[in-house]
């Protein structure tokens, strides 16, 4: 059976620790399901007509998502091929809870995972955690992720091999 899960991310390598913990837990419990994983960040498109007309998702991802992030989730995908059907990066651009609830329903998301230590901040980013917590159609789980500041490989691909 294929299930869809949402992981709130800021497209940093640290946020992939949520994905690693979830997959490690499902692997340890010998889960027979496969998962479509949505790595989602909140993004404010703004209200400028120029921005709305000429910004595509790929242009936004080029701003938000470093290449190391894509390489890192491919490594995680290769480690758990029996659990992962596909991994998709997405942005949520709505401003209202009902818009998020509709997004959950349309994407058929059954579970959501987030960490309070991973917050989408920066230009035009916003945090999805309040939306996730208020969504009644979604089972949400808080994952504790330790963000270490003293890693010599911080911001590099090797960071995903550090056990959290």
Protein backbone atom coordinates (compact mmCIF):
# COMPACT_ATOMS: atom_id res chain seq x y z
CA UNK A 1 0.00 0.00 0.00
CA UNK A 2 1.25 3.49 -0.83
CA UNK A 3 0.76 6.26 1.73
CA UNK A 4 1.67 9.93 1.47
CA UNK A 5 3.49 11.79 4.22
CA UNK A 6 4.45 15.44 4.52
CA UNK A 7 7.69 16.58 6.08
CA UNK A 8 7.95 20.27 6.94
CA UNK A 9 11.35 21.49 5.80
CA UNK A 10 13.35 24.63 5.28
CA UNK A 11 15.49 22.87 2.63
CA UNK A 12 18.51 22.72 4.90
CA UNK A 13 20.51 19.55 5.38
CA UNK A 14 19.51 19.55 9.06
CA UNK A 15 15.87 19.20 8.10
CA UNK A 16 16.63 15.89 6.38
CA UNK A 17 17.25 14.45 9.85
CA UNK A 18 13.45 14.39 10.21
CA UNK A 19 13.23 12.22 7.09
CA UNK A 20 16.03 9.96 8.33
CA UNK A 21 14.37 9.46 11.73
CA UNK A 22 10.97 8.72 10.21
CA UNK A 23 12.38 6.19 7.75
CA UNK A 24 14.61 4.57 10.38
CA UNK A 25 11.59 4.16 12.66
CA UNK A 26 9.42 2.69 9.89
CA UNK A 27 12.24 0.36 8.85
CA UNK A 28 12.73 -0.83 12.45
CA UNK A 29 9.02 -1.58 12.75
CA UNK A 30 9.21 -3.56 9.49
CA UNK A 31 6.56 -1.39 7.87
CA UNK A 32 5.30 -3.00 4.64
CA UNK A 33 3.96 0.24 3.16
CA UNK A 34 5.68 2.41 0.60
CA UNK A 35 5.60 6.17 0.96
CA UNK A 36 5.26 9.16 -1.28
CA UNK A 37 7.18 11.79 0.64
CA UNK A 38 6.41 15.47 0.22
CA UNK A 39 9.17 17.76 1.48
CA UNK A 40 7.24 21.01 1.86
CA UNK A 41 8.18 24.53 2.81
CA UNK A 42 5.95 27.57 3.18
CA UNK A 43 6.63 30.30 0.63
CA UNK A 44 4.93 33.67 0.29
CA UNK A 45 4.54 34.41 -3.41
CA UNK A 46 3.82 38.04 -2.68
CA UNK A 47 1.19 40.09 -4.42
CA UNK A 48 3.26 41.68 -7.16
CA UNK A 49 1.81 40.85 -10.55
CA UNK A 50 5.30 40.50 -11.98
CA UNK A 51 6.24 37.95 -9.31
CA UNK A 52 3.02 36.01 -9.74
CA UNK A 53 3.30 35.87 -13.53
CA UNK A 54 6.99 35.27 -14.03
CA UNK A 55 8.13 33.18 -11.06
CA UNK A 56 7.89 29.45 -11.65
CA UNK A 57 8.35 26.68 -9.09
CA UNK A 58 11.73 25.80 -10.57
CA UNK A 59 12.90 29.42 -10.18
CA UNK A 60 11.72 29.42 -6.56
CA UNK A 61 13.44 26.08 -5.88
CA UNK A 62 16.68 27.44 -7.35
CA UNK A 63 16.51 30.18 -4.68
CA UNK A 64 15.43 27.98 -1.76
CA UNK A 65 16.93 24.55 -2.27
CA UNK A 66 20.70 24.00 -2.41
CA UNK A 67 22.10 21.28 -4.64
CA UNK A 68 23.47 19.48 -1.57
CA UNK A 69 19.91 19.03 -0.31
CA UNK A 70 18.88 17.17 -3.48
CA UNK A 71 21.99 14.99 -3.38
CA UNK A 72 21.39 14.22 0.29
CA UNK A 73 17.79 13.09 -0.11
CA UNK A 74 18.86 10.90 -3.04
CA UNK A 75 21.34 9.17 -0.71
CA UNK A 76 18.57 8.65 1.85
CA UNK A 77 16.29 7.34 -0.91
CA UNK A 78 18.94 4.81 -1.92
CA UNK A 79 19.25 3.63 1.68
CA UNK A 80 15.51 2.90 2.02
CA UNK A 81 14.31 1.89 -1.48
CA UNK A 82 11.79 -0.56 0.00
CA UNK A 83 10.04 2.26 1.90
CA UNK A 84 10.16 5.11 -0.62
CA UNK A 85 7.99 5.19 -3.70
CA UNK A 86 8.93 8.79 -4.54
CA UNK A 87 10.19 11.98 -2.96
CA UNK A 88 8.80 15.31 -4.14
CA UNK A 89 9.86 18.80 -3.10
CA UNK A 90 7.03 21.30 -2.97
CA UNK A 91 6.07 24.69 -1.63
CA UNK A 92 2.85 25.68 0.05
CA UNK A 93 1.87 29.19 -0.99
CA UNK A 94 -1.49 29.63 0.72
CA UNK A 95 -2.28 32.07 3.48
CA UNK A 96 -5.23 30.38 5.15
CA UNK A 97 -5.83 27.21 7.15
CA UNK A 98 -8.58 26.08 4.81
CA UNK A 99 -6.14 26.34 1.89
CA UNK A 100 -3.70 24.09 3.74
CA UNK A 101 -6.50 21.66 4.62
CA UNK A 102 -7.44 21.51 0.95
CA UNK A 103 -3.77 20.92 0.01
CA UNK A 104 -3.70 17.97 2.44
CA UNK A 105 -6.90 16.55 0.98
CA UNK A 106 -5.85 16.97 -2.68
CA UNK A 107 -2.40 15.44 -2.10
CA UNK A 108 -3.97 12.63 0.00
CA UNK A 109 -1.54 13.26 2.87
CA UNK A 110 -2.10 10.96 5.84
CA UNK A 111 0.78 11.87 8.18
CA UNK A 112 2.91 14.95 8.77
CA UNK A 113 6.22 15.27 10.57
CA UNK A 114 7.90 18.43 11.79
CA UNK A 115 10.51 19.64 14.21
CA UNK A 116 10.23 22.88 16.17
CA UNK A 117 14.00 23.34 15.83
CA UNK A 118 13.69 23.48 12.02
CA UNK A 119 11.84 26.66 11.15
CA UNK A 120 11.44 28.15 7.71
CA UNK A 121 12.68 31.67 8.12
CA UNK A 122 14.15 34.08 5.69
CA UNK A 123 12.98 36.09 2.74
CA UNK A 124 9.44 35.03 1.83
CA UNK A 125 9.56 31.75 3.78
CA UNK A 126 7.03 30.97 6.49
CA UNK A 127 6.62 28.18 9.00
CA UNK A 128 4.15 25.36 8.26
CA UNK A 129 3.98 24.04 11.83
CA UNK A 130 0.90 26.09 12.88
CA UNK A 131 -0.97 24.87 9.79
CA UNK A 132 0.01 21.25 10.45
CA UNK A 133 -1.05 21.39 14.10
CA UNK A 134 -4.47 22.86 13.26
CA UNK A 135 -5.28 20.45 10.41
CA UNK A 136 -7.89 17.99 11.69
CA UNK A 137 -7.56 15.56 8.76
CA UNK A 138 -3.89 14.94 9.41
CA UNK A 139 -1.98 12.85 11.93
CA UNK A 140 0.94 15.04 12.92
CA UNK A 141 4.05 14.05 14.82
CA UNK A 142 6.73 16.21 16.37
CA UNK A 143 10.22 14.86 15.82
CA UNK A 144 13.03 16.13 18.01
CA UNK A 145 16.06 16.99 15.92
CA UNK A 146 19.21 18.30 17.45
CA UNK A 147 20.71 21.10 15.36
CA UNK A 148 24.41 21.03 16.03
CA UNK A 149 26.33 24.21 15.45
CA UNK A 150 29.83 22.76 15.86
CA UNK A 151 29.95 20.22 13.04
CA UNK A 152 33.04 20.61 10.87
CA UNK A 153 31.02 19.46 7.86
CA UNK A 154 28.08 21.82 8.57
CA UNK A 155 26.30 22.72 5.34
CA UNK A 156 28.02 19.93 3.42
CA UNK A 157 26.73 16.64 2.12
CA UNK A 158 28.67 14.67 4.76
CA UNK A 159 26.34 16.15 7.37
CA UNK A 160 23.60 13.62 6.56
CA UNK A 161 25.87 10.76 7.62
CA UNK A 162 26.12 12.10 11.17
CA UNK A 163 23.72 10.12 13.31
CA UNK A 164 21.12 12.31 14.94
